[in-house]
N, C-alpha and C. Protein backbone atom coordinates (compact mmCIF):
# COMPACT_ATOMS: atom_id res chain seq x y z
N MET A 1 18.54 4.79 22.70
CA MET A 1 19.49 3.70 22.76
C MET A 1 20.63 3.97 21.79
N THR A 2 21.83 3.79 22.22
CA THR A 2 22.98 4.03 21.36
C THR A 2 23.34 2.77 20.58
N ASP A 3 24.09 2.97 19.52
CA ASP A 3 24.51 1.87 18.65
C ASP A 3 25.48 0.96 19.39
N VAL A 4 25.40 -0.34 19.12
CA VAL A 4 26.31 -1.29 19.76
C VAL A 4 27.67 -1.34 19.07
N HIS A 5 27.77 -0.74 17.88
CA HIS A 5 29.03 -0.70 17.15
C HIS A 5 29.60 0.71 17.15
N ASP A 6 30.93 0.80 17.03
CA ASP A 6 31.53 2.12 16.88
C ASP A 6 31.23 2.61 15.45
N ARG A 7 31.50 3.87 15.21
CA ARG A 7 31.16 4.51 13.94
C ARG A 7 31.79 3.80 12.74
N GLU A 8 33.04 3.41 12.86
CA GLU A 8 33.76 2.76 11.75
C GLU A 8 33.17 1.39 11.43
N THR A 9 32.87 0.61 12.46
CA THR A 9 32.28 -0.72 12.25
C THR A 9 30.90 -0.61 11.63
N ARG A 10 30.09 0.33 12.12
CA ARG A 10 28.75 0.52 11.56
C ARG A 10 28.85 0.94 10.09
N SER A 11 29.77 1.82 9.77
CA SER A 11 29.96 2.27 8.40
C SER A 11 30.32 1.09 7.49
N ARG A 12 31.21 0.24 7.95
CA ARG A 12 31.63 -0.93 7.18
C ARG A 12 30.44 -1.89 6.97
N ASN A 13 29.65 -2.09 8.03
CA ASN A 13 28.47 -2.96 7.92
C ASN A 13 27.47 -2.42 6.90
N MET A 14 27.20 -1.13 6.97
CA MET A 14 26.21 -0.53 6.06
C MET A 14 26.71 -0.55 4.62
N ALA A 15 28.01 -0.36 4.42
CA ALA A 15 28.58 -0.37 3.07
C ALA A 15 28.49 -1.76 2.43
N ALA A 16 28.42 -2.79 3.26
CA ALA A 16 28.38 -4.16 2.75
C ALA A 16 26.99 -4.59 2.29
N ILE A 17 25.97 -3.79 2.57
CA ILE A 17 24.60 -4.14 2.17
C ILE A 17 24.47 -3.93 0.66
N LYS A 18 24.04 -4.98 -0.02
CA LYS A 18 23.97 -4.95 -1.48
C LYS A 18 22.60 -4.47 -1.95
N GLY A 19 22.59 -3.86 -3.11
CA GLY A 19 21.35 -3.40 -3.71
C GLY A 19 20.81 -4.34 -4.77
N ARG A 20 21.59 -5.32 -5.15
CA ARG A 20 21.16 -6.31 -6.14
C ARG A 20 21.87 -7.63 -5.87
N ASP A 21 21.33 -8.68 -6.47
CA ASP A 21 21.88 -10.02 -6.27
C ASP A 21 21.89 -10.44 -4.80
N THR A 22 20.84 -10.08 -4.09
CA THR A 22 20.73 -10.47 -2.69
C THR A 22 20.31 -11.94 -2.62
N LYS A 23 20.42 -12.53 -1.45
CA LYS A 23 20.03 -13.93 -1.28
C LYS A 23 18.57 -14.18 -1.68
N PRO A 24 17.63 -13.34 -1.21
CA PRO A 24 16.24 -13.56 -1.63
C PRO A 24 16.05 -13.48 -3.16
N GLU A 25 16.73 -12.52 -3.80
CA GLU A 25 16.64 -12.39 -5.26
C GLU A 25 17.16 -13.64 -5.95
N LYS A 26 18.32 -14.12 -5.51
CA LYS A 26 18.92 -15.30 -6.13
C LYS A 26 18.04 -16.53 -5.95
N LEU A 27 17.47 -16.69 -4.76
CA LEU A 27 16.55 -17.81 -4.51
C LEU A 27 15.38 -17.78 -5.49
N LEU A 28 14.77 -16.62 -5.62
CA LEU A 28 13.60 -16.49 -6.48
C LEU A 28 13.97 -16.70 -7.94
N ARG A 29 15.05 -16.10 -8.39
CA ARG A 29 15.47 -16.25 -9.79
C ARG A 29 15.72 -17.71 -10.12
N SER A 30 16.43 -18.40 -9.25
CA SER A 30 16.75 -19.81 -9.49
C SER A 30 15.47 -20.65 -9.57
N ALA A 31 14.55 -20.42 -8.65
CA ALA A 31 13.29 -21.18 -8.64
C ALA A 31 12.45 -20.88 -9.88
N LEU A 32 12.37 -19.62 -10.27
CA LEU A 32 11.58 -19.26 -11.45
C LEU A 32 12.19 -19.85 -12.72
N HIS A 33 13.51 -19.76 -12.83
CA HIS A 33 14.19 -20.30 -14.01
C HIS A 33 13.98 -21.81 -14.08
N GLY A 34 14.09 -22.47 -12.94
CA GLY A 34 13.87 -23.91 -12.89
C GLY A 34 12.46 -24.32 -13.28
N ALA A 35 11.51 -23.42 -13.06
CA ALA A 35 10.11 -23.69 -13.41
C ALA A 35 9.80 -23.30 -14.86
N GLY A 36 10.81 -22.83 -15.57
CA GLY A 36 10.63 -22.52 -16.99
C GLY A 36 10.35 -21.07 -17.31
N PHE A 37 10.32 -20.20 -16.32
CA PHE A 37 10.10 -18.77 -16.58
C PHE A 37 11.39 -18.15 -17.10
N ARG A 38 11.26 -17.29 -18.10
CA ARG A 38 12.42 -16.58 -18.62
C ARG A 38 12.20 -15.09 -18.38
N PHE A 39 13.25 -14.43 -17.95
CA PHE A 39 13.13 -13.05 -17.53
C PHE A 39 14.42 -12.31 -17.81
N ARG A 40 14.33 -11.01 -17.71
CA ARG A 40 15.48 -10.13 -17.86
C ARG A 40 15.76 -9.51 -16.51
N LEU A 41 17.04 -9.31 -16.20
CA LEU A 41 17.42 -8.70 -14.94
C LEU A 41 17.64 -7.20 -15.10
N ASN A 42 17.18 -6.44 -14.12
CA ASN A 42 17.46 -5.01 -14.03
C ASN A 42 17.22 -4.25 -15.33
N ALA A 43 16.07 -4.44 -15.93
CA ALA A 43 15.70 -3.74 -17.17
C ALA A 43 15.59 -2.24 -16.91
N PRO A 44 15.83 -1.44 -17.93
CA PRO A 44 15.77 0.02 -17.75
C PRO A 44 14.33 0.54 -17.70
N LEU A 45 13.67 0.23 -16.61
CA LEU A 45 12.31 0.70 -16.36
C LEU A 45 12.30 1.45 -15.03
N PRO A 46 11.23 2.20 -14.75
CA PRO A 46 11.17 2.91 -13.47
C PRO A 46 11.39 1.97 -12.29
N GLY A 47 12.23 2.37 -11.37
CA GLY A 47 12.49 1.59 -10.17
C GLY A 47 13.45 0.43 -10.37
N LYS A 48 13.97 0.26 -11.57
CA LYS A 48 14.90 -0.84 -11.88
C LYS A 48 14.40 -2.18 -11.36
N PRO A 49 13.39 -2.75 -12.00
CA PRO A 49 12.83 -4.02 -11.51
C PRO A 49 13.90 -5.10 -11.40
N ASP A 50 13.74 -5.96 -10.41
CA ASP A 50 14.68 -7.07 -10.24
C ASP A 50 14.52 -8.07 -11.37
N LEU A 51 13.29 -8.30 -11.80
CA LEU A 51 13.00 -9.22 -12.91
C LEU A 51 11.96 -8.58 -13.82
N THR A 52 12.14 -8.76 -15.11
CA THR A 52 11.16 -8.28 -16.08
C THR A 52 10.77 -9.44 -16.97
N LEU A 53 9.50 -9.71 -17.05
CA LEU A 53 8.97 -10.77 -17.91
C LEU A 53 8.23 -10.09 -19.05
N LYS A 54 8.96 -9.82 -20.12
CA LYS A 54 8.45 -9.04 -21.23
C LYS A 54 7.21 -9.67 -21.86
N LYS A 55 7.21 -11.00 -21.96
CA LYS A 55 6.09 -11.74 -22.55
C LYS A 55 4.77 -11.40 -21.84
N HIS A 56 4.84 -11.16 -20.55
CA HIS A 56 3.65 -10.85 -19.75
C HIS A 56 3.53 -9.36 -19.44
N ARG A 57 4.48 -8.58 -19.96
CA ARG A 57 4.56 -7.14 -19.67
C ARG A 57 4.46 -6.92 -18.16
N ALA A 58 5.31 -7.68 -17.45
CA ALA A 58 5.26 -7.69 -15.99
C ALA A 58 6.64 -7.48 -15.39
N THR A 59 6.66 -6.82 -14.25
CA THR A 59 7.89 -6.62 -13.49
C THR A 59 7.73 -7.27 -12.12
N VAL A 60 8.85 -7.76 -11.59
CA VAL A 60 8.85 -8.35 -10.25
C VAL A 60 9.95 -7.66 -9.44
N TYR A 61 9.56 -7.18 -8.29
CA TYR A 61 10.50 -6.55 -7.36
C TYR A 61 10.60 -7.42 -6.12
N VAL A 62 11.82 -7.71 -5.68
CA VAL A 62 12.02 -8.41 -4.41
C VAL A 62 12.39 -7.32 -3.41
N HIS A 63 11.43 -6.95 -2.57
CA HIS A 63 11.63 -5.85 -1.62
C HIS A 63 12.08 -6.38 -0.26
N GLY A 64 13.11 -5.74 0.28
CA GLY A 64 13.53 -6.03 1.64
C GLY A 64 12.52 -5.42 2.61
N CYS A 65 12.11 -6.20 3.58
CA CYS A 65 11.08 -5.73 4.52
C CYS A 65 11.52 -4.48 5.28
N PHE A 66 12.78 -4.41 5.66
CA PHE A 66 13.27 -3.24 6.38
C PHE A 66 13.29 -2.01 5.47
N TRP A 67 13.94 -2.12 4.33
CA TRP A 67 14.16 -0.96 3.47
C TRP A 67 12.88 -0.40 2.87
N HIS A 68 11.84 -1.23 2.75
CA HIS A 68 10.59 -0.78 2.14
C HIS A 68 9.43 -0.77 3.13
N MET A 69 9.74 -0.86 4.43
CA MET A 69 8.77 -0.71 5.51
C MET A 69 7.58 -1.66 5.40
N HIS A 70 7.85 -2.93 5.19
CA HIS A 70 6.76 -3.90 5.12
C HIS A 70 6.15 -4.11 6.50
N ASP A 71 4.85 -4.24 6.54
CA ASP A 71 4.15 -4.44 7.81
C ASP A 71 4.23 -5.91 8.21
N CYS A 72 5.40 -6.32 8.69
CA CYS A 72 5.61 -7.70 9.13
C CYS A 72 6.60 -7.68 10.29
N PRO A 73 6.77 -8.79 10.99
CA PRO A 73 7.67 -8.81 12.15
C PRO A 73 9.14 -8.53 11.81
N ARG A 74 9.52 -8.66 10.53
CA ARG A 74 10.92 -8.40 10.16
C ARG A 74 11.24 -6.90 10.18
N PHE A 75 10.21 -6.06 10.08
CA PHE A 75 10.45 -4.61 10.04
C PHE A 75 10.22 -3.98 11.40
N LYS A 76 11.21 -3.22 11.83
CA LYS A 76 11.08 -2.40 13.04
C LYS A 76 11.82 -1.09 12.77
N TYR A 77 11.21 0.01 13.19
CA TYR A 77 11.92 1.28 13.06
C TYR A 77 13.19 1.23 13.91
N PRO A 78 14.30 1.69 13.36
CA PRO A 78 15.52 1.73 14.18
C PRO A 78 15.42 2.82 15.24
N GLY A 79 15.96 2.53 16.38
CA GLY A 79 16.01 3.53 17.44
C GLY A 79 17.38 4.19 17.43
N GLY A 80 17.74 4.76 18.52
CA GLY A 80 19.08 5.33 18.65
C GLY A 80 19.16 6.78 18.26
N ASP A 81 20.39 7.23 18.12
CA ASP A 81 20.67 8.63 17.88
C ASP A 81 20.15 9.13 16.53
N ASN A 82 20.11 8.25 15.54
CA ASN A 82 19.71 8.67 14.19
C ASN A 82 18.28 8.25 13.84
N ALA A 83 17.44 8.06 14.82
CA ALA A 83 16.08 7.56 14.57
C ALA A 83 15.32 8.46 13.59
N ASP A 84 15.44 9.77 13.73
CA ASP A 84 14.73 10.68 12.83
C ASP A 84 15.23 10.54 11.40
N PHE A 85 16.54 10.41 11.24
CA PHE A 85 17.13 10.22 9.91
C PHE A 85 16.58 8.95 9.26
N TRP A 86 16.59 7.85 10.00
CA TRP A 86 16.14 6.57 9.46
C TRP A 86 14.65 6.59 9.14
N ARG A 87 13.86 7.19 10.01
CA ARG A 87 12.42 7.26 9.75
C ARG A 87 12.17 8.02 8.44
N ALA A 88 12.82 9.16 8.26
CA ALA A 88 12.64 9.95 7.04
C ALA A 88 13.12 9.17 5.81
N LYS A 89 14.25 8.51 5.93
CA LYS A 89 14.81 7.74 4.81
C LYS A 89 13.87 6.62 4.39
N LEU A 90 13.40 5.84 5.36
CA LEU A 90 12.53 4.71 5.06
C LEU A 90 11.17 5.16 4.53
N GLU A 91 10.65 6.25 5.08
CA GLU A 91 9.37 6.77 4.59
C GLU A 91 9.51 7.26 3.15
N ARG A 92 10.65 7.86 2.83
CA ARG A 92 10.89 8.30 1.45
C ARG A 92 10.98 7.09 0.51
N ASN A 93 11.61 6.01 0.97
CA ASN A 93 11.67 4.79 0.15
C ASN A 93 10.26 4.29 -0.18
N ALA A 94 9.40 4.25 0.84
CA ALA A 94 8.02 3.78 0.64
C ALA A 94 7.26 4.72 -0.30
N GLU A 95 7.48 6.01 -0.15
CA GLU A 95 6.84 7.00 -1.03
C GLU A 95 7.30 6.79 -2.47
N ARG A 96 8.60 6.57 -2.66
CA ARG A 96 9.16 6.33 -3.98
C ARG A 96 8.58 5.06 -4.61
N ASP A 97 8.36 4.03 -3.78
CA ASP A 97 7.75 2.80 -4.28
C ASP A 97 6.40 3.09 -4.93
N GLY A 98 5.61 3.94 -4.29
CA GLY A 98 4.30 4.32 -4.84
C GLY A 98 4.44 5.07 -6.16
N GLU A 99 5.43 5.94 -6.24
CA GLU A 99 5.67 6.69 -7.48
C GLU A 99 6.07 5.74 -8.61
N VAL A 100 6.92 4.78 -8.30
CA VAL A 100 7.36 3.80 -9.30
C VAL A 100 6.18 3.00 -9.82
N THR A 101 5.31 2.56 -8.91
CA THR A 101 4.13 1.80 -9.32
C THR A 101 3.28 2.61 -10.29
N GLY A 102 3.08 3.88 -9.98
CA GLY A 102 2.31 4.75 -10.86
C GLY A 102 2.93 4.88 -12.24
N LYS A 103 4.24 5.04 -12.30
CA LYS A 103 4.93 5.17 -13.58
C LYS A 103 4.85 3.89 -14.40
N LEU A 104 5.01 2.75 -13.73
CA LEU A 104 4.94 1.47 -14.44
C LEU A 104 3.54 1.25 -15.02
N LEU A 105 2.53 1.48 -14.22
CA LEU A 105 1.15 1.29 -14.68
C LEU A 105 0.83 2.23 -15.84
N ALA A 106 1.30 3.46 -15.74
CA ALA A 106 1.05 4.44 -16.81
C ALA A 106 1.73 4.02 -18.11
N ALA A 107 2.85 3.31 -18.00
CA ALA A 107 3.58 2.85 -19.18
C ALA A 107 3.07 1.49 -19.68
N GLY A 108 2.03 0.96 -19.03
CA GLY A 108 1.44 -0.30 -19.47
C GLY A 108 2.08 -1.55 -18.91
N TRP A 109 2.89 -1.40 -17.86
CA TRP A 109 3.52 -2.55 -17.22
C TRP A 109 2.74 -2.94 -15.97
N ARG A 110 2.87 -4.19 -15.57
CA ARG A 110 2.27 -4.69 -14.34
C ARG A 110 3.39 -4.84 -13.31
N GLN A 111 3.03 -4.84 -12.03
CA GLN A 111 4.05 -4.91 -10.98
C GLN A 111 3.66 -5.89 -9.89
N LEU A 112 4.59 -6.80 -9.60
CA LEU A 112 4.42 -7.74 -8.49
C LEU A 112 5.56 -7.50 -7.50
N VAL A 113 5.23 -7.37 -6.23
CA VAL A 113 6.24 -7.24 -5.17
C VAL A 113 6.28 -8.55 -4.40
N VAL A 114 7.46 -9.15 -4.35
CA VAL A 114 7.67 -10.33 -3.51
C VAL A 114 8.48 -9.84 -2.32
N TRP A 115 7.89 -9.91 -1.14
CA TRP A 115 8.55 -9.42 0.06
C TRP A 115 9.59 -10.42 0.55
N GLU A 116 10.66 -9.89 1.08
CA GLU A 116 11.76 -10.70 1.64
C GLU A 116 11.23 -11.77 2.59
N CYS A 117 10.23 -11.43 3.40
CA CYS A 117 9.71 -12.37 4.40
C CYS A 117 9.03 -13.58 3.76
N ALA A 118 8.69 -13.50 2.48
CA ALA A 118 8.11 -14.66 1.79
C ALA A 118 9.18 -15.66 1.40
N LEU A 119 10.44 -15.20 1.38
CA LEU A 119 11.53 -16.04 0.88
C LEU A 119 12.52 -16.50 1.95
N VAL A 120 12.66 -15.73 3.02
CA VAL A 120 13.62 -16.08 4.07
C VAL A 120 13.02 -15.82 5.44
N GLY A 121 13.53 -16.48 6.44
CA GLY A 121 13.11 -16.25 7.81
C GLY A 121 11.98 -17.16 8.26
N LYS A 122 11.49 -16.89 9.46
CA LYS A 122 10.49 -17.76 10.10
C LYS A 122 9.17 -17.83 9.35
N GLY A 123 8.74 -16.76 8.74
CA GLY A 123 7.44 -16.75 8.07
C GLY A 123 7.49 -17.10 6.60
N ARG A 124 8.65 -17.57 6.14
CA ARG A 124 8.81 -17.80 4.70
C ARG A 124 7.83 -18.87 4.18
N LEU A 125 7.50 -18.71 2.92
CA LEU A 125 6.63 -19.67 2.24
C LEU A 125 7.51 -20.71 1.56
N ASP A 126 6.91 -21.84 1.21
CA ASP A 126 7.62 -22.82 0.41
C ASP A 126 7.90 -22.18 -0.95
N LEU A 127 9.10 -22.34 -1.46
CA LEU A 127 9.50 -21.69 -2.70
C LEU A 127 8.59 -22.09 -3.87
N SER A 128 8.15 -23.33 -3.89
CA SER A 128 7.25 -23.77 -4.97
C SER A 128 5.90 -23.04 -4.88
N GLU A 129 5.49 -22.71 -3.66
CA GLU A 129 4.25 -21.95 -3.46
C GLU A 129 4.41 -20.52 -4.00
N VAL A 130 5.57 -19.92 -3.78
CA VAL A 130 5.84 -18.58 -4.30
C VAL A 130 5.83 -18.60 -5.82
N VAL A 131 6.53 -19.57 -6.41
CA VAL A 131 6.58 -19.68 -7.87
C VAL A 131 5.18 -19.91 -8.44
N ASN A 132 4.40 -20.76 -7.81
CA ASN A 132 3.03 -21.01 -8.25
C ASN A 132 2.19 -19.74 -8.18
N SER A 133 2.34 -18.98 -7.10
CA SER A 133 1.59 -17.72 -6.95
C SER A 133 1.98 -16.73 -8.03
N ILE A 134 3.26 -16.68 -8.37
CA ILE A 134 3.71 -15.78 -9.44
C ILE A 134 3.09 -16.21 -10.77
N GLY A 135 3.10 -17.52 -11.04
CA GLY A 135 2.49 -18.02 -12.27
C GLY A 135 1.02 -17.67 -12.38
N ILE A 136 0.30 -17.81 -11.28
CA ILE A 136 -1.12 -17.45 -11.26
C ILE A 136 -1.30 -15.96 -11.52
N TRP A 137 -0.47 -15.13 -10.86
CA TRP A 137 -0.57 -13.69 -11.05
C TRP A 137 -0.27 -13.31 -12.50
N LEU A 138 0.76 -13.93 -13.09
CA LEU A 138 1.14 -13.59 -14.46
C LEU A 138 0.02 -13.86 -15.46
N THR A 139 -0.78 -14.89 -15.21
CA THR A 139 -1.85 -15.22 -16.14
C THR A 139 -3.17 -14.54 -15.80
N SER A 140 -3.16 -13.75 -14.73
CA SER A 140 -4.37 -13.02 -14.34
C SER A 140 -4.39 -11.65 -15.02
N ASP A 141 -5.45 -10.91 -14.77
CA ASP A 141 -5.56 -9.55 -15.29
C ASP A 141 -5.11 -8.51 -14.27
N ALA A 142 -4.63 -8.96 -13.12
CA ALA A 142 -4.24 -8.03 -12.05
C ALA A 142 -3.07 -7.15 -12.50
N LYS A 143 -3.18 -5.87 -12.22
CA LYS A 143 -2.11 -4.93 -12.57
C LYS A 143 -0.99 -4.93 -11.54
N THR A 144 -1.36 -5.15 -10.28
CA THR A 144 -0.36 -5.19 -9.21
C THR A 144 -0.64 -6.40 -8.32
N GLY A 145 0.36 -6.75 -7.53
CA GLY A 145 0.19 -7.84 -6.59
C GLY A 145 1.32 -7.88 -5.59
N GLU A 146 1.12 -8.63 -4.52
CA GLU A 146 2.13 -8.79 -3.47
C GLU A 146 2.13 -10.23 -3.00
N ILE A 147 3.32 -10.71 -2.66
CA ILE A 147 3.45 -12.01 -2.03
C ILE A 147 4.27 -11.78 -0.77
N ALA A 148 3.71 -12.13 0.37
CA ALA A 148 4.38 -11.91 1.66
C ALA A 148 4.41 -13.21 2.46
N GLY A 149 5.27 -13.22 3.46
CA GLY A 149 5.37 -14.38 4.34
C GLY A 149 4.13 -14.53 5.20
N GLU A 150 4.05 -15.67 5.88
CA GLU A 150 2.90 -15.94 6.74
C GLU A 150 3.31 -15.82 8.20
N PHE A 151 2.63 -14.94 8.90
CA PHE A 151 2.88 -14.75 10.33
C PHE A 151 1.53 -14.83 11.02
N GLY A 152 1.44 -15.60 12.04
CA GLY A 152 0.15 -15.59 12.68
C GLY A 152 -0.03 -16.72 13.58
């Protein structure tokens, strides 16, 4: 299947995709701050965590379901002329995520991934539920964790 946009339009669309301060990130930051959590943004740690809670030695990443290949209805492999390119790119992103987790754990940090589908779209959770889940995880002994949307 070919792209529905010409090359110039597709290039402009892709260039507009942000790597930080996305809508899901802003939603989560606002809710956490409102609940009394204090955090640092984009701390100089492996993988550049979206949020760092130094008091808990914890990092929080807000992962886009597409870019990090989450197993949910929001993720689909792109088709078209560049399908092989996209498959390799996305698989490398997922591989890098695993490497980052290993580096964080080795350095004594904990890692929580909040998936985009938990914050936006049809399967999103109530924001207070996400904040509550984060609070529970922070006070647990778990080294890693995930919060995802509900589909079913």
